[in-house]
């Protein structure tokens, strides 16, 4: 997807602040953090959202969660707790149409989110 912001980041065409990487996913710092730790975990293949994930996508979501676990440990929020958020569509405030997982931590989270 030549117009996709996250595809360009994965391809190295747009600079980012990498935190961790696997063969199939990249974790980067969010440029507008909503918590002391706010990392985006992005699959290297383009899918518009979680609504497009099918059984044929072979563990993409698993890999996002596994990389998020590594990042949480590295960032020091694994034991205190962290939030994983996956938005789908405009009503959920999904601003980049590329599947991604937000990892938020480093402070006590509110419920409901707000």
C-alpha atoms as a PDB file:
ATOM      1  CA  UNK A   1       0.000   0.000   0.000  1.00  0.00           C
ATOM      2  CA  UNK A   2       2.084   2.889  -1.288  1.00  0.00           C
ATOM      3  CA  UNK A   3      -0.101   5.519   0.433  1.00  0.00           C
ATOM      4  CA  UNK A   4      -0.201   3.849   3.866  1.00  0.00           C
ATOM      5  CA  UNK A   5       1.722   5.706   6.576  1.00  0.00           C
ATOM      6  CA  UNK A   6       2.580   2.542   8.515  1.00  0.00           C
ATOM      7  CA  UNK A   7       3.642   0.693   5.356  1.00  0.00           C
ATOM      8  CA  UNK A   8       6.040   3.574   4.663  1.00  0.00           C
ATOM      9  CA  UNK A   9       7.378   3.389   8.223  1.00  0.00           C
ATOM     10  CA  UNK A  10       7.884  -0.386   7.941  1.00  0.00           C
ATOM     11  CA  UNK A  11       9.690   0.153   4.604  1.00  0.00           C
ATOM     12  CA  UNK A  12      11.985   2.754   6.204  1.00  0.00           C
ATOM     13  CA  UNK A  13      10.663   5.562   3.998  1.00  0.00           C
ATOM     14  CA  UNK A  14       9.430   7.567   7.010  1.00  0.00           C
ATOM     15  CA  UNK A  15      11.527   7.843  10.168  1.00  0.00           C
ATOM     16  CA  UNK A  16      10.246   6.373  13.427  1.00  0.00           C
ATOM     17  CA  UNK A  17      11.579   5.455  16.841  1.00  0.00           C
ATOM     18  CA  UNK A  18      11.799   1.651  16.873  1.00  0.00           C
ATOM     19  CA  UNK A  19      11.452  -0.144  20.194  1.00  0.00           C
ATOM     20  CA  UNK A  20      11.486  -3.791  19.077  1.00  0.00           C
ATOM     21  CA  UNK A  21      11.052  -5.882  15.955  1.00  0.00           C
ATOM     22  CA  UNK A  22      10.267  -9.425  14.911  1.00  0.00           C
ATOM     23  CA  UNK A  23      10.214 -11.043  11.483  1.00  0.00           C
ATOM     24  CA  UNK A  24       6.583 -10.007  11.013  1.00  0.00           C
ATOM     25  CA  UNK A  25       6.014  -6.937  13.225  1.00  0.00           C
ATOM     26  CA  UNK A  26       7.567  -3.624  14.225  1.00  0.00           C
ATOM     27  CA  UNK A  27       7.089  -1.766  17.520  1.00  0.00           C
ATOM     28  CA  UNK A  28       7.565   2.021  17.459  1.00  0.00           C
ATOM     29  CA  UNK A  29       6.949   4.919  19.835  1.00  0.00           C
ATOM     30  CA  UNK A  30       3.672   6.754  19.275  1.00  0.00           C
ATOM     31  CA  UNK A  31       4.296  10.369  18.195  1.00  0.00           C
ATOM     32  CA  UNK A  32       1.342  11.578  20.323  1.00  0.00           C
ATOM     33  CA  UNK A  33       1.662   9.433  23.476  1.00  0.00           C
ATOM     34  CA  UNK A  34      -1.372   9.036  25.706  1.00  0.00           C
ATOM     35  CA  UNK A  35       0.648   7.452  28.546  1.00  0.00           C
ATOM     36  CA  UNK A  36       4.285   7.459  29.698  1.00  0.00           C
ATOM     37  CA  UNK A  37       4.718   4.265  27.665  1.00  0.00           C
ATOM     38  CA  UNK A  38       2.805   4.351  24.373  1.00  0.00           C
ATOM     39  CA  UNK A  39       4.102   1.998  21.713  1.00  0.00           C
ATOM     40  CA  UNK A  40       2.437   0.946  18.468  1.00  0.00           C
ATOM     41  CA  UNK A  41       2.911  -2.652  17.363  1.00  0.00           C
ATOM     42  CA  UNK A  42       2.434  -2.877  13.601  1.00  0.00           C
ATOM     43  CA  UNK A  43       2.377  -5.941  11.353  1.00  0.00           C
ATOM     44  CA  UNK A  44       4.746  -5.681   8.407  1.00  0.00           C
ATOM     45  CA  UNK A  45       2.012  -6.783   6.011  1.00  0.00           C
ATOM     46  CA  UNK A  46      -0.840  -4.431   5.249  1.00  0.00           C
ATOM     47  CA  UNK A  47      -4.288  -5.153   6.632  1.00  0.00           C
ATOM     48  CA  UNK A  48      -6.655  -2.232   7.013  1.00  0.00           C
ATOM     49  CA  UNK A  49      -7.962  -3.287  10.438  1.00  0.00           C
ATOM     50  CA  UNK A  50      -8.706  -6.216  12.735  1.00  0.00           C
ATOM     51  CA  UNK A  51     -11.990  -6.507  10.858  1.00  0.00           C
ATOM     52  CA  UNK A  52     -10.035  -7.902   7.887  1.00  0.00           C
ATOM     53  CA  UNK A  53      -8.130 -10.591   9.815  1.00  0.00           C
ATOM     54  CA  UNK A  54      -9.112 -14.102   8.771  1.00  0.00           C
ATOM     55  CA  UNK A  55      -7.913 -17.586   9.702  1.00  0.00           C
ATOM     56  CA  UNK A  56      -5.683 -17.400   6.607  1.00  0.00           C
ATOM     57  CA  UNK A  57      -3.550 -14.621   8.079  1.00  0.00           C
ATOM     58  CA  UNK A  58      -1.526 -17.162  10.046  1.00  0.00           C
ATOM     59  CA  UNK A  59      -0.944 -15.718  13.481  1.00  0.00           C
ATOM     60  CA  UNK A  60      -0.584 -12.010  12.756  1.00  0.00           C
ATOM     61  CA  UNK A  61      -2.507 -11.036  15.893  1.00  0.00           C
ATOM     62  CA  UNK A  62      -0.562 -13.599  17.949  1.00  0.00           C
ATOM     63  CA  UNK A  63       2.700 -12.030  16.811  1.00  0.00           C
ATOM     64  CA  UNK A  64       1.487  -8.524  17.704  1.00  0.00           C
ATOM     65  CA  UNK A  65       0.631  -9.648  21.239  1.00  0.00           C
ATOM     66  CA  UNK A  66       3.902 -11.568  21.661  1.00  0.00           C
ATOM     67  CA  UNK A  67       5.928  -8.540  20.546  1.00  0.00           C
ATOM     68  CA  UNK A  68       3.843  -6.320  22.856  1.00  0.00           C
ATOM     69  CA  UNK A  69       4.727  -8.628  25.758  1.00  0.00           C
ATOM     70  CA  UNK A  70       8.437  -8.221  24.969  1.00  0.00           C
ATOM     71  CA  UNK A  71       8.050  -4.448  24.786  1.00  0.00           C
ATOM     72  CA  UNK A  72       6.126  -4.329  28.088  1.00  0.00           C
ATOM     73  CA  UNK A  73       8.964  -6.219  29.761  1.00  0.00           C
ATOM     74  CA  UNK A  74      11.623  -4.001  28.160  1.00  0.00           C
ATOM     75  CA  UNK A  75       9.743  -0.813  29.105  1.00  0.00           C
ATOM     76  CA  UNK A  76       9.300  -1.942  32.711  1.00  0.00           C
ATOM     77  CA  UNK A  77       5.488  -2.094  32.747  1.00  0.00           C
ATOM     78  CA  UNK A  78       4.972  -5.847  32.591  1.00  0.00           C
ATOM     79  CA  UNK A  79       4.586  -6.330  36.335  1.00  0.00           C
ATOM     80  CA  UNK A  80       2.609  -3.147  37.098  1.00  0.00           C
ATOM     81  CA  UNK A  81       0.271  -3.674  34.157  1.00  0.00           C
ATOM     82  CA  UNK A  82      -0.404  -2.266  30.728  1.00  0.00           C
ATOM     83  CA  UNK A  83      -3.272  -1.873  28.308  1.00  0.00           C
ATOM     84  CA  UNK A  84      -3.460  -3.295  24.779  1.00  0.00           C
ATOM     85  CA  UNK A  85      -5.894  -1.508  22.475  1.00  0.00           C
ATOM     86  CA  UNK A  86      -6.837  -2.295  18.902  1.00  0.00           C
ATOM     87  CA  UNK A  87      -9.153   0.243  17.255  1.00  0.00           C
ATOM     88  CA  UNK A  88     -11.354  -0.592  14.266  1.00  0.00           C
ATOM     89  CA  UNK A  89     -12.852   2.164  12.129  1.00  0.00           C
ATOM     90  CA  UNK A  90     -13.495   5.882  12.472  1.00  0.00           C
ATOM     91  CA  UNK A  91     -15.893   5.699  15.437  1.00  0.00           C
ATOM     92  CA  UNK A  92     -13.097   4.015  17.414  1.00  0.00           C
ATOM     93  CA  UNK A  93     -10.724   6.869  16.475  1.00  0.00           C
ATOM     94  CA  UNK A  94      -8.615   4.695  14.180  1.00  0.00           C
ATOM     95  CA  UNK A  95      -6.483   7.375  12.530  1.00  0.00           C
ATOM     96  CA  UNK A  96      -4.231   5.158  10.372  1.00  0.00           C
ATOM     97  CA  UNK A  97      -6.017   2.471   8.338  1.00  0.00           C
ATOM     98  CA  UNK A  98      -3.437  -0.249   9.002  1.00  0.00           C
ATOM     99  CA  UNK A  99      -3.908  -2.925  11.652  1.00  0.00           C
ATOM    100  CA  UNK A 100      -1.957  -2.005  14.791  1.00  0.00           C
ATOM    101  CA  UNK A 101      -1.945  -2.535  18.523  1.00  0.00           C
ATOM    102  CA  UNK A 102      -1.445   0.239  21.085  1.00  0.00           C
ATOM    103  CA  UNK A 103       0.523  -0.687  24.200  1.00  0.00           C
ATOM    104  CA  UNK A 104      -0.083   1.845  26.982  1.00  0.00           C
ATOM    105  CA  UNK A 105       1.450   1.786  30.436  1.00  0.00           C
ATOM    106  CA  UNK A 106       3.465   3.588  33.041  1.00  0.00           C
ATOM    107  CA  UNK A 107       0.456   5.000  34.889  1.00  0.00           C
ATOM    108  CA  UNK A 108      -2.783   3.787  36.426  1.00  0.00           C
ATOM    109  CA  UNK A 109      -5.351   3.406  33.656  1.00  0.00           C
ATOM    110  CA  UNK A 110      -8.947   4.608  33.976  1.00  0.00           C
ATOM    111  CA  UNK A 111     -11.978   2.482  33.273  1.00  0.00           C
ATOM    112  CA  UNK A 112     -13.883   3.203  31.279  1.00  0.00           C
ATOM    113  CA  UNK A 113     -11.136   4.727  29.135  1.00  0.00           C
ATOM    114  CA  UNK A 114     -11.437   8.430  28.768  1.00  0.00           C
END
